[in-house]
PDB file of all heavy atoms in Angstrom:
ATOM      1  N   HIS A   1     116.918  80.812 103.027  1.00  0.00           N
ATOM      2  CA  HIS A   1     117.912  81.298 102.222  1.00  0.00           C
ATOM      3  C   HIS A   1     119.181  80.842 102.502  1.00  0.00           C
ATOM      4  O   HIS A   1     120.209  80.468 101.813  1.00  0.00           O
ATOM      5  CB  HIS A   1     117.943  82.838 102.297  1.00  0.00           C
ATOM      6  CG  HIS A   1     118.995  83.451 101.388  1.00  0.00           C
ATOM      7  ND1 HIS A   1     120.242  83.799 101.804  1.00  0.00           N
ATOM      8  CD2 HIS A   1     118.918  83.736 100.008  1.00  0.00           C
ATOM      9  CE1 HIS A   1     120.873  84.306 100.709  1.00  0.00           C
ATOM     10  NE2 HIS A   1     120.022  84.360  99.655  1.00  0.00           N
ATOM     11  N   LYS A   2     119.576  80.755 103.939  1.00  0.00           N
ATOM     12  CA  LYS A   2     120.879  80.135 104.399  1.00  0.00           C
ATOM     13  C   LYS A   2     121.101  78.826 103.973  1.00  0.00           C
ATOM     14  O   LYS A   2     122.227  78.369 103.498  1.00  0.00           O
ATOM     15  CB  LYS A   2     120.934  80.257 105.977  1.00  0.00           C
ATOM     16  CG  LYS A   2     122.256  79.860 106.550  1.00  0.00           C
ATOM     17  CD  LYS A   2     122.192  79.963 108.167  1.00  0.00           C
ATOM     18  CE  LYS A   2     123.540  79.579 108.611  1.00  0.00           C
ATOM     19  NZ  LYS A   2     123.507  79.682 110.157  1.00  0.00           N
ATOM     20  N   GLU A   3     120.080  77.977 103.869  1.00  0.00           N
ATOM     21  CA  GLU A   3     120.109  76.572 103.485  1.00  0.00           C
ATOM     22  C   GLU A   3     120.147  76.353 101.948  1.00  0.00           C
ATOM     23  O   GLU A   3     120.909  75.543 101.518  1.00  0.00           O
ATOM     24  CB  GLU A   3     119.026  75.708 104.073  1.00  0.00           C
ATOM     25  CG  GLU A   3     119.171  74.258 104.009  1.00  0.00           C
ATOM     26  CD  GLU A   3     118.179  73.445 104.607  1.00  0.00           C
ATOM     27  OE1 GLU A   3     117.550  73.904 105.666  1.00  0.00           O
ATOM     28  OE2 GLU A   3     117.892  72.341 104.273  1.00  0.00           O
ATOM     29  N   HIS A   4     119.382  77.102 101.218  1.00  0.00           N
ATOM     30  CA  HIS A   4     119.202  76.839  99.851  1.00  0.00           C
ATOM     31  C   HIS A   4     119.772  78.042  98.819  1.00  0.00           C
ATOM     32  O   HIS A   4     119.659  77.849  97.772  1.00  0.00           O
ATOM     33  CB  HIS A   4     117.693  76.592  99.576  1.00  0.00           C
ATOM     34  CG  HIS A   4     117.187  75.507 100.329  1.00  0.00           C
ATOM     35  ND1 HIS A   4     117.551  74.196 100.040  1.00  0.00           N
ATOM     36  CD2 HIS A   4     116.422  75.425 101.472  1.00  0.00           C
ATOM     37  CE1 HIS A   4     116.938  73.411 100.873  1.00  0.00           C
ATOM     38  NE2 HIS A   4     116.252  74.063 101.768  1.00  0.00           N
ATOM     39  N   GLY A   5     119.989  79.154  99.329  1.00  0.00           N
ATOM     40  CA  GLY A   5     120.263  80.300  98.547  1.00  0.00           C
ATOM     41  C   GLY A   5     119.201  80.888  97.761  1.00  0.00           C
ATOM     42  O   GLY A   5     118.054  80.838  98.259  1.00  0.00           O
ATOM     43  N   GLY A   6     119.498  81.604  96.649  1.00  0.00           N
ATOM     44  CA  GLY A   6     118.448  82.189  95.825  1.00  0.00           C
ATOM     45  C   GLY A   6     118.334  83.661  96.152  1.00  0.00           C
ATOM     46  O   GLY A   6     119.004  84.112  97.027  1.00  0.00           O
ATOM     47  N   PRO A   7     117.386  84.353  95.448  1.00  0.00           N
ATOM     48  CA  PRO A   7     117.327  85.737  95.537  1.00  0.00           C
ATOM     49  C   PRO A   7     116.609  86.035  96.960  1.00  0.00           C
ATOM     50  O   PRO A   7     115.869  85.334  97.475  1.00  0.00           O
ATOM     51  CB  PRO A   7     116.295  86.131  94.471  1.00  0.00           C
ATOM     52  CG  PRO A   7     115.455  84.907  94.183  1.00  0.00           C
ATOM     53  CD  PRO A   7     116.472  83.723  94.350  1.00  0.00           C
ATOM     54  N   GLN A   8     116.979  87.187  97.555  1.00  0.00           N
ATOM     55  CA  GLN A   8     116.384  87.770  98.695  1.00  0.00           C
ATOM     56  C   GLN A   8     115.436  88.860  98.383  1.00  0.00           C
ATOM     57  O   GLN A   8     115.782  89.904  98.080  1.00  0.00           O
ATOM     58  CB  GLN A   8     117.323  88.309  99.718  1.00  0.00           C
ATOM     59  CG  GLN A   8     118.256  87.096 100.244  1.00  0.00           C
ATOM     60  CD  GLN A   8     119.246  87.544 101.367  1.00  0.00           C
ATOM     61  OE1 GLN A   8     120.118  88.380 101.057  1.00  0.00           O
ATOM     62  NE2 GLN A   8     119.157  87.033 102.491  1.00  0.00           N
ATOM     63  N   VAL A   9     114.055  88.508  98.451  1.00  0.00           N
ATOM     64  CA  VAL A   9     113.008  89.329  97.956  1.00  0.00           C
ATOM     65  C   VAL A   9     112.287  89.630  99.250  1.00  0.00           C
ATOM     66  O   VAL A   9     111.835  88.794  99.976  1.00  0.00           O
ATOM     67  CB  VAL A   9     112.175  88.570  96.915  1.00  0.00           C
ATOM     68  CG1 VAL A   9     111.099  89.541  96.496  1.00  0.00           C
ATOM     69  CG2 VAL A   9     113.020  88.182  95.674  1.00  0.00           C
ATOM     70  N   PRO A  10     111.954  90.860  99.447  1.00  0.00           N
ATOM     71  CA  PRO A  10     111.171  91.277 100.704  1.00  0.00           C
ATOM     72  C   PRO A  10     109.749  90.616 100.688  1.00  0.00           C
ATOM     73  O   PRO A  10     109.194  90.471  99.533  1.00  0.00           O
ATOM     74  CB  PRO A  10     110.978  92.720 100.682  1.00  0.00           C
ATOM     75  CG  PRO A  10     112.057  93.171  99.619  1.00  0.00           C
ATOM     76  CD  PRO A  10     112.344  92.075  98.704  1.00  0.00           C
ATOM     77  N   PRO A  11     109.257  90.216 101.716  1.00  0.00           N
ATOM     78  CA  PRO A  11     107.982  89.355 101.856  1.00  0.00           C
ATOM     79  C   PRO A  11     106.979  90.346 101.248  1.00  0.00           C
ATOM     80  O   PRO A  11     106.940  91.690 101.599  1.00  0.00           O
ATOM     81  CB  PRO A  11     107.717  89.102 103.226  1.00  0.00           C
ATOM     82  CG  PRO A  11     109.061  89.264 103.982  1.00  0.00           C
ATOM     83  CD  PRO A  11     109.927  90.244 103.140  1.00  0.00           C
ATOM     84  N   HIS A  12     106.030  89.959 100.413  1.00  0.00           N
ATOM     85  CA  HIS A  12     105.060  90.832  99.881  1.00  0.00           C
ATOM     86  C   HIS A  12     103.855  89.973  99.259  1.00  0.00           C
ATOM     87  O   HIS A  12     104.067  88.820  98.953  1.00  0.00           O
ATOM     88  CB  HIS A  12     105.596  91.754  98.815  1.00  0.00           C
ATOM     89  CG  HIS A  12     106.032  91.046  97.682  1.00  0.00           C
ATOM     90  ND1 HIS A  12     107.244  90.532  97.602  1.00  0.00           N
ATOM     91  CD2 HIS A  12     105.537  90.780  96.382  1.00  0.00           C
ATOM     92  CE1 HIS A  12     107.385  89.917  96.411  1.00  0.00           C
ATOM     93  NE2 HIS A  12     106.354  90.130  95.724  1.00  0.00           N
ATOM     94  N   VAL A  13     102.814  90.624  99.072  1.00  0.00           N
ATOM     95  CA  VAL A  13     101.689  90.107  98.261  1.00  0.00           C
ATOM     96  C   VAL A  13     101.604  90.996  96.999  1.00  0.00           C
ATOM     97  O   VAL A  13     101.516  92.230  97.094  1.00  0.00           O
ATOM     98  CB  VAL A  13     100.316  90.172  98.852  1.00  0.00           C
ATOM     99  CG1 VAL A  13      99.249  89.708  97.986  1.00  0.00           C
ATOM    100  CG2 VAL A  13     100.411  89.209 100.226  1.00  0.00           C
ATOM    101  N   THR A  14     101.670  90.435  95.813  1.00  0.00           N
ATOM    102  CA  THR A  14     101.662  91.281  94.480  1.00  0.00           C
ATOM    103  C   THR A  14     100.170  91.637  94.310  1.00  0.00           C
ATOM    104  O   THR A  14      99.331  90.796  94.086  1.00  0.00           O
ATOM    105  CB  THR A  14     102.242  90.485  93.363  1.00  0.00           C
ATOM    106  OG1 THR A  14     103.579  90.228  93.769  1.00  0.00           O
ATOM    107  CG2 THR A  14     102.174  91.382  92.160  1.00  0.00           C
ATOM    108  N   LEU A  15      99.747  92.973  94.204  1.00  0.00           N
ATOM    109  CA  LEU A  15      98.575  93.377  93.893  1.00  0.00           C
ATOM    110  C   LEU A  15      98.275  93.523  92.420  1.00  0.00           C
ATOM    111  O   LEU A  15      97.183  93.263  91.807  1.00  0.00           O
ATOM    112  CB  LEU A  15      98.068  94.652  94.586  1.00  0.00           C
ATOM    113  CG  LEU A  15      98.069  94.584  96.166  1.00  0.00           C
ATOM    114  CD1 LEU A  15      97.886  96.034  96.719  1.00  0.00           C
ATOM    115  CD2 LEU A  15      97.118  93.658  96.644  1.00  0.00           C
ATOM    116  N   LEU A  16      99.459  94.065  91.921  1.00  0.00           N
ATOM    117  CA  LEU A  16      99.333  94.421  90.407  1.00  0.00           C
ATOM    118  C   LEU A  16     100.758  94.243  89.853  1.00  0.00           C
ATOM    119  O   LEU A  16     101.804  94.644  90.516  1.00  0.00           O
ATOM    120  CB  LEU A  16      98.881  95.870  90.243  1.00  0.00           C
ATOM    121  CG  LEU A  16      98.902  96.340  88.837  1.00  0.00           C
ATOM    122  CD1 LEU A  16      97.611  95.820  88.132  1.00  0.00           C
ATOM    123  CD2 LEU A  16      98.635  97.947  88.994  1.00  0.00           C
ATOM    124  N   THR A  17     100.901  93.678  88.631  1.00  0.00           N
ATOM    125  CA  THR A  17     102.105  93.599  87.971  1.00  0.00           C
ATOM    126  C   THR A  17     102.154  94.058  86.605  1.00  0.00           C
ATOM    127  O   THR A  17     101.072  93.928  85.913  1.00  0.00           O
ATOM    128  CB  THR A  17     102.856  92.148  88.147  1.00  0.00           C
ATOM    129  OG1 THR A  17     104.134  92.113  87.798  1.00  0.00           O
ATOM    130  CG2 THR A  17     101.916  91.019  87.381  1.00  0.00           C
ATOM    131  N   GLY A  18     103.231  94.470  86.002  1.00  0.00           N
ATOM    132  CA  GLY A  18     103.335  94.803  84.654  1.00  0.00           C
ATOM    133  C   GLY A  18     102.583  96.229  84.308  1.00  0.00           C
ATOM    134  O   GLY A  18     102.371  96.454  83.048  1.00  0.00           O
ATOM    135  N   ALA A  19     102.424  97.006  85.233  1.00  0.00           N
ATOM    136  CA  ALA A  19     101.930  98.370  84.933  1.00  0.00           C
ATOM    137  C   ALA A  19     102.897  99.173  84.106  1.00  0.00           C
ATOM    138  O   ALA A  19     104.118  99.129  84.653  1.00  0.00           O
ATOM    139  CB  ALA A  19     101.473  98.973  86.228  1.00  0.00           C
ATOM    140  N   GLU A  20     102.620  99.912  83.085  1.00  0.00           N
ATOM    141  CA  GLU A  20     103.363 100.698  82.391  1.00  0.00           C
ATOM    142  C   GLU A  20     103.038 102.067  82.407  1.00  0.00           C
ATOM    143  O   GLU A  20     101.759 102.351  81.976  1.00  0.00           O
ATOM    144  CB  GLU A  20     103.628 100.162  80.882  1.00  0.00           C
ATOM    145  CG  GLU A  20     104.325  98.853  80.841  1.00  0.00           C
ATOM    146  CD  GLU A  20     104.549  98.392  79.389  1.00  0.00           C
ATOM    147  OE1 GLU A  20     104.104  99.152  78.504  1.00  0.00           O
ATOM    148  OE2 GLU A  20     105.078  97.332  79.269  1.00  0.00           O
ATOM    149  N   THR A  21     103.653 102.950  82.840  1.00  0.00           N
ATOM    150  CA  THR A  21     103.413 104.314  83.154  1.00  0.00           C
ATOM    151  C   THR A  21     104.624 105.183  83.295  1.00  0.00           C
ATOM    152  O   THR A  21     105.822 104.754  83.276  1.00  0.00           O
ATOM    153  CB  THR A  21     102.471 104.440  84.371  1.00  0.00           C
ATOM    154  OG1 THR A  21     101.987 105.759  84.480  1.00  0.00           O
ATOM    155  CG2 THR A  21     103.179 104.081  85.516  1.00  0.00           C
ATOM    156  N   THR A  22     104.535 106.545  83.419  1.00  0.00           N
ATOM    157  CA  THR A  22     105.628 107.320  83.705  1.00  0.00           C
ATOM    158  C   THR A  22     105.851 107.414  85.195  1.00  0.00           C
ATOM    159  O   THR A  22     104.920 107.178  86.079  1.00  0.00           O
ATOM    160  CB  THR A  22     105.356 108.770  83.184  1.00  0.00           C
ATOM    161  OG1 THR A  22     104.253 109.257  83.966  1.00  0.00           O
ATOM    162  CG2 THR A  22     105.083 108.844  81.625  1.00  0.00           C
ATOM    163  N   ARG A  23     107.127 107.701  85.732  1.00  0.00           N
ATOM    164  CA  ARG A  23     107.327 107.808  87.121  1.00  0.00           C
ATOM    165  C   ARG A  23     106.473 108.752  87.763  1.00  0.00           C
ATOM    166  O   ARG A  23     105.829 108.511  88.757  1.00  0.00           O
ATOM    167  CB  ARG A  23     108.836 108.139  87.386  1.00  0.00           C
ATOM    168  CG  ARG A  23     109.185 108.188  88.746  1.00  0.00           C
ATOM    169  CD  ARG A  23     110.764 108.357  88.908  1.00  0.00           C
ATOM    170  NE  ARG A  23     111.450 107.302  88.166  1.00  0.00           N
ATOM    171  CZ  ARG A  23     111.814 106.161  88.509  1.00  0.00           C
ATOM    172  NH1 ARG A  23     111.344 105.659  89.658  1.00  0.00           N
ATOM    173  NH2 ARG A  23     112.555 105.336  87.869  1.00  0.00           N
ATOM    174  N   ALA A  24     106.187 109.937  87.240  1.00  0.00           N
ATOM    175  CA  ALA A  24     105.406 110.929  87.801  1.00  0.00           C
ATOM    176  C   ALA A  24     103.953 110.389  87.882  1.00  0.00           C
ATOM    177  O   ALA A  24     103.231 110.546  88.900  1.00  0.00           O
ATOM    178  CB  ALA A  24     105.321 112.230  86.969  1.00  0.00           C
ATOM    179  N   SER A  25     103.402 109.734  86.914  1.00  0.00           N
ATOM    180  CA  SER A  25     101.967 109.237  86.999  1.00  0.00           C
ATOM    181  C   SER A  25     101.979 108.109  87.940  1.00  0.00           C
ATOM    182  O   SER A  25     101.004 107.995  88.740  1.00  0.00           O
ATOM    183  CB  SER A  25     101.658 108.619  85.610  1.00  0.00           C
ATOM    184  OG  SER A  25     100.382 108.138  85.628  1.00  0.00           O
ATOM    185  N   ALA A  26     102.955 107.242  88.074  1.00  0.00           N
ATOM    186  CA  ALA A  26     103.023 106.219  89.126  1.00  0.00           C
ATOM    187  C   ALA A  26     102.924 106.753  90.471  1.00  0.00           C
ATOM    188  O   ALA A  26     102.216 106.236  91.356  1.00  0.00           O
ATOM    189  CB  ALA A  26     104.237 105.308  88.867  1.00  0.00           C
ATOM    190  N   GLU A  27     103.776 107.822  90.784  1.00  0.00           N
ATOM    191  CA  GLU A  27     103.792 108.431  92.043  1.00  0.00           C
ATOM    192  C   GLU A  27     102.405 108.919  92.466  1.00  0.00           C
ATOM    193  O   GLU A  27     101.876 108.762  93.636  1.00  0.00           O
ATOM    194  CB  GLU A  27     104.833 109.444  92.142  1.00  0.00           C
ATOM    195  CG  GLU A  27     106.239 108.951  92.175  1.00  0.00           C
ATOM    196  CD  GLU A  27     107.202 109.935  92.124  1.00  0.00           C
ATOM    197  OE1 GLU A  27     106.956 111.218  92.131  1.00  0.00           O
ATOM    198  OE2 GLU A  27     108.526 109.608  92.009  1.00  0.00           O
ATOM    199  N   LEU A  28     101.659 109.667  91.535  1.00  0.00           N
ATOM    200  CA  LEU A  28     100.363 110.146  91.850  1.00  0.00           C
ATOM    201  C   LEU A  28      99.362 109.065  92.059  1.00  0.00           C
ATOM    202  O   LEU A  28      98.691 109.116  92.976  1.00  0.00           O
ATOM    203  CB  LEU A  28     100.025 111.044  90.523  1.00  0.00           C
ATOM    204  CG  LEU A  28      98.641 111.738  90.632  1.00  0.00           C
ATOM    205  CD1 LEU A  28      98.583 112.660  91.660  1.00  0.00           C
ATOM    206  CD2 LEU A  28      98.313 112.364  89.329  1.00  0.00           C
ATOM    207  N   LYS A  29      99.431 107.919  91.157  1.00  0.00           N
ATOM    208  CA  LYS A  29      98.486 106.980  91.354  1.00  0.00           C
ATOM    209  C   LYS A  29      98.749 106.084  92.654  1.00  0.00           C
ATOM    210  O   LYS A  29      97.735 105.798  93.358  1.00  0.00           O
ATOM    211  CB  LYS A  29      98.531 106.001  90.072  1.00  0.00           C
ATOM    212  CG  LYS A  29      98.008 106.649  88.782  1.00  0.00           C
ATOM    213  CD  LYS A  29      98.291 105.794  87.652  1.00  0.00           C
ATOM    214  CE  LYS A  29      97.689 106.353  86.381  1.00  0.00           C
ATOM    215  NZ  LYS A  29      97.811 105.591  85.108  1.00  0.00           N
ATOM    216  N   LEU A  30      99.947 106.010  93.098  1.00  0.00           N
ATOM    217  CA  LEU A  30     100.264 105.250  94.203  1.00  0.00           C
ATOM    218  C   LEU A  30      99.768 106.073  95.483  1.00  0.00           C
ATOM    219  O   LEU A  30      99.340 105.546  96.458  1.00  0.00           O
ATOM    220  CB  LEU A  30     101.723 104.941  94.275  1.00  0.00           C
ATOM    221  CG  LEU A  30     102.188 103.688  93.411  1.00  0.00           C
ATOM    222  CD1 LEU A  30     103.656 103.650  93.405  1.00  0.00           C
ATOM    223  CD2 LEU A  30     101.649 102.383  93.859  1.00  0.00           C
ATOM    224  N   LYS A  31     100.083 107.311  95.468  1.00  0.00           N
ATOM    225  CA  LYS A  31      99.464 108.139  96.566  1.00  0.00           C
ATOM    226  C   LYS A  31      97.960 108.131  96.604  1.00  0.00           C
ATOM    227  O   LYS A  31      97.468 107.966  97.786  1.00  0.00           O
ATOM    228  CB  LYS A  31     100.081 109.666  96.327  1.00  0.00           C
ATOM    229  CG  LYS A  31     101.469 109.815  96.623  1.00  0.00           C
ATOM    230  CD  LYS A  31     101.818 111.313  96.451  1.00  0.00           C
ATOM    231  CE  LYS A  31     103.414 111.441  96.650  1.00  0.00           C
ATOM    232  NZ  LYS A  31     103.871 112.769  96.403  1.00  0.00           N
ATOM    233  N   ARG A  32      97.369 108.119  95.556  1.00  0.00           N
ATOM    234  CA  ARG A  32      95.776 107.971  95.482  1.00  0.00           C
ATOM    235  C   ARG A  32      95.455 106.580  96.127  1.00  0.00           C
ATOM    236  O   ARG A  32      94.554 106.536  96.940  1.00  0.00           O
ATOM    237  CB  ARG A  32      95.334 108.139  94.156  1.00  0.00           C
ATOM    238  CG  ARG A  32      93.783 108.319  94.044  1.00  0.00           C
ATOM    239  CD  ARG A  32      93.312 108.447  92.609  1.00  0.00           C
ATOM    240  NE  ARG A  32      94.062 109.305  91.706  1.00  0.00           N
ATOM    241  CZ  ARG A  32      94.244 109.142  90.467  1.00  0.00           C
ATOM    242  NH1 ARG A  32      93.819 108.163  89.805  1.00  0.00           N
ATOM    243  NH2 ARG A  32      95.005 109.978  89.797  1.00  0.00           N
ATOM    244  N   LEU A  33      96.044 105.625  95.652  1.00  0.00           N
ATOM    245  CA  LEU A  33      95.713 104.217  96.095  1.00  0.00           C
ATOM    246  C   LEU A  33      95.962 104.121  97.602  1.00  0.00           C
ATOM    247  O   LEU A  33      95.166 103.597  98.378  1.00  0.00           O
ATOM    248  CB  LEU A  33      96.590 103.258  95.346  1.00  0.00           C
ATOM    249  CG  LEU A  33      96.343 101.712  95.724  1.00  0.00           C
ATOM    250  CD1 LEU A  33      94.963 101.306  95.581  1.00  0.00           C
ATOM    251  CD2 LEU A  33      97.394 100.845  94.917  1.00  0.00           C
ATOM    252  N   ALA A  34      97.284 104.576  97.957  1.00  0.00           N
ATOM    253  CA  ALA A  34      97.660 104.447  99.358  1.00  0.00           C
ATOM    254  C   ALA A  34      96.725 105.202 100.368  1.00  0.00           C
ATOM    255  O   ALA A  34      96.419 104.735 101.513  1.00  0.00           O
ATOM    256  CB  ALA A  34      99.070 105.019  99.625  1.00  0.00           C
ATOM    257  N   SER A  35      96.102 106.334  99.906  1.00  0.00           N
ATOM    258  CA  SER A  35      95.190 107.010 100.702  1.00  0.00           C
ATOM    259  C   SER A  35      93.839 106.287 100.938  1.00  0.00           C
ATOM    260  O   SER A  35      93.126 106.633 101.979  1.00  0.00           O
ATOM    261  CB  SER A  35      94.849 108.379 100.143  1.00  0.00           C
ATOM    262  OG  SER A  35      94.037 108.325  99.085  1.00  0.00           O
ATOM    263  N   ARG A  36      93.597 105.225 100.178  1.00  0.00           N
ATOM    264  CA  ARG A  36      92.332 104.524 100.283  1.00  0.00           C
ATOM    265  C   ARG A  36      92.502 103.252 100.862  1.00  0.00           C
ATOM    266  O   ARG A  36      91.510 102.437 101.156  1.00  0.00           O
ATOM    267  CB  ARG A  36      91.668 104.314  98.825  1.00  0.00           C
ATOM    268  CG  ARG A  36      91.458 105.792  98.373  1.00  0.00           C
ATOM    269  CD  ARG A  36      90.807 105.722  96.802  1.00  0.00           C
ATOM    270  NE  ARG A  36      89.413 105.115  96.983  1.00  0.00           N
ATOM    271  CZ  ARG A  36      88.650 104.987  95.955  1.00  0.00           C
ATOM    272  NH1 ARG A  36      89.152 105.174  94.712  1.00  0.00           N
ATOM    273  NH2 ARG A  36      87.448 104.443  96.170  1.00  0.00           N
ATOM    274  N   VAL A  37      93.601 102.837 101.193  1.00  0.00           N
ATOM    275  CA  VAL A  37      93.869 101.445 101.717  1.00  0.00           C
ATOM    276  C   VAL A  37      94.006 101.373 103.186  1.00  0.00           C
ATOM    277  O   VAL A  37      94.558 102.236 103.848  1.00  0.00           O
ATOM    278  CB  VAL A  37      95.324 100.950 101.206  1.00  0.00           C
ATOM    279  CG1 VAL A  37      95.716  99.589 101.833  1.00  0.00           C
ATOM    280  CG2 VAL A  37      95.389 100.884  99.655  1.00  0.00           C
ATOM    281  N   GLN A  38      93.212 100.386 103.793  1.00  0.00           N
ATOM    282  CA  GLN A  38      93.077 100.151 105.178  1.00  0.00           C
ATOM    283  C   GLN A  38      93.903  98.997 105.447  1.00  0.00           C
ATOM    284  O   GLN A  38      93.956  98.029 104.546  1.00  0.00           O
ATOM    285  CB  GLN A  38      91.622 100.040 105.587  1.00  0.00           C
ATOM    286  CG  GLN A  38      90.761 101.303 105.351  1.00  0.00           C
ATOM    287  CD  GLN A  38      91.278 102.425 106.169  1.00  0.00           C
ATOM    288  OE1 GLN A  38      91.489 102.395 107.335  1.00  0.00           O
ATOM    289  NE2 GLN A  38      91.297 103.607 105.527  1.00  0.00           N
ATOM    290  N   PRO A  39      94.444  98.850 106.620  1.00  0.00           N
ATOM    291  CA  PRO A  39      95.052  97.509 107.039  1.00  0.00           C
ATOM    292  C   PRO A  39      94.111  96.182 106.834  1.00  0.00           C
ATOM    293  O   PRO A  39      92.959  96.470 107.168  1.00  0.00           O
ATOM    294  CB  PRO A  39      95.614  97.755 108.514  1.00  0.00           C
ATOM    295  CG  PRO A  39      95.647  99.180 108.641  1.00  0.00           C
ATOM    296  CD  PRO A  39      94.512  99.729 107.719  1.00  0.00           C
ATOM    297  N   LEU A  40      94.602  95.132 106.435  1.00  0.00           N
ATOM    298  CA  LEU A  40      93.791  94.017 106.303  1.00  0.00           C
ATOM    299  C   LEU A  40      94.591  92.785 106.738  1.00  0.00           C
ATOM    300  O   LEU A  40      95.800  92.869 106.738  1.00  0.00           O
ATOM    301  CB  LEU A  40      93.282  93.903 104.868  1.00  0.00           C
ATOM    302  CG  LEU A  40      94.146  93.591 103.752  1.00  0.00           C
ATOM    303  CD1 LEU A  40      93.444  92.632 102.808  1.00  0.00           C
ATOM    304  CD2 LEU A  40      94.569  94.855 103.041  1.00  0.00           C
ATOM    305  N   ARG A  41      93.850  91.779 107.159  1.00  0.00           N
ATOM    306  CA  ARG A  41      94.487  90.509 107.598  1.00  0.00           C
ATOM    307  C   ARG A  41      94.456  89.554 106.265  1.00  0.00           C
ATOM    308  O   ARG A  41      93.515  89.405 105.674  1.00  0.00           O
ATOM    309  CB  ARG A  41      93.692  89.925 108.701  1.00  0.00           C
ATOM    310  CG  ARG A  41      94.304  88.637 109.298  1.00  0.00           C
ATOM    311  CD  ARG A  41      93.694  88.394 110.611  1.00  0.00           C
ATOM    312  NE  ARG A  41      93.608  89.253 111.615  1.00  0.00           N
ATOM    313  CZ  ARG A  41      94.628  89.283 112.482  1.00  0.00           C
ATOM    314  NH1 ARG A  41      95.644  88.551 112.409  1.00  0.00           N
ATOM    315  NH2 ARG A  41      94.568  90.280 113.467  1.00  0.00           N
TER     316      ARG A  41
END
C-alpha cells in the first residue's frame, strides 16, 4: 500500500458474497454459522 496505494481492505477469505437479507436475519444467521465454525488452516 505504501508503494502503490489503493484501498486498504482487511485480509480475508470471502465465503459468500451478494447475500440479500434483513439486518436482523443476517445477525441470526451469522450467529448460527459462527457457532458451527472451527478454526482451519
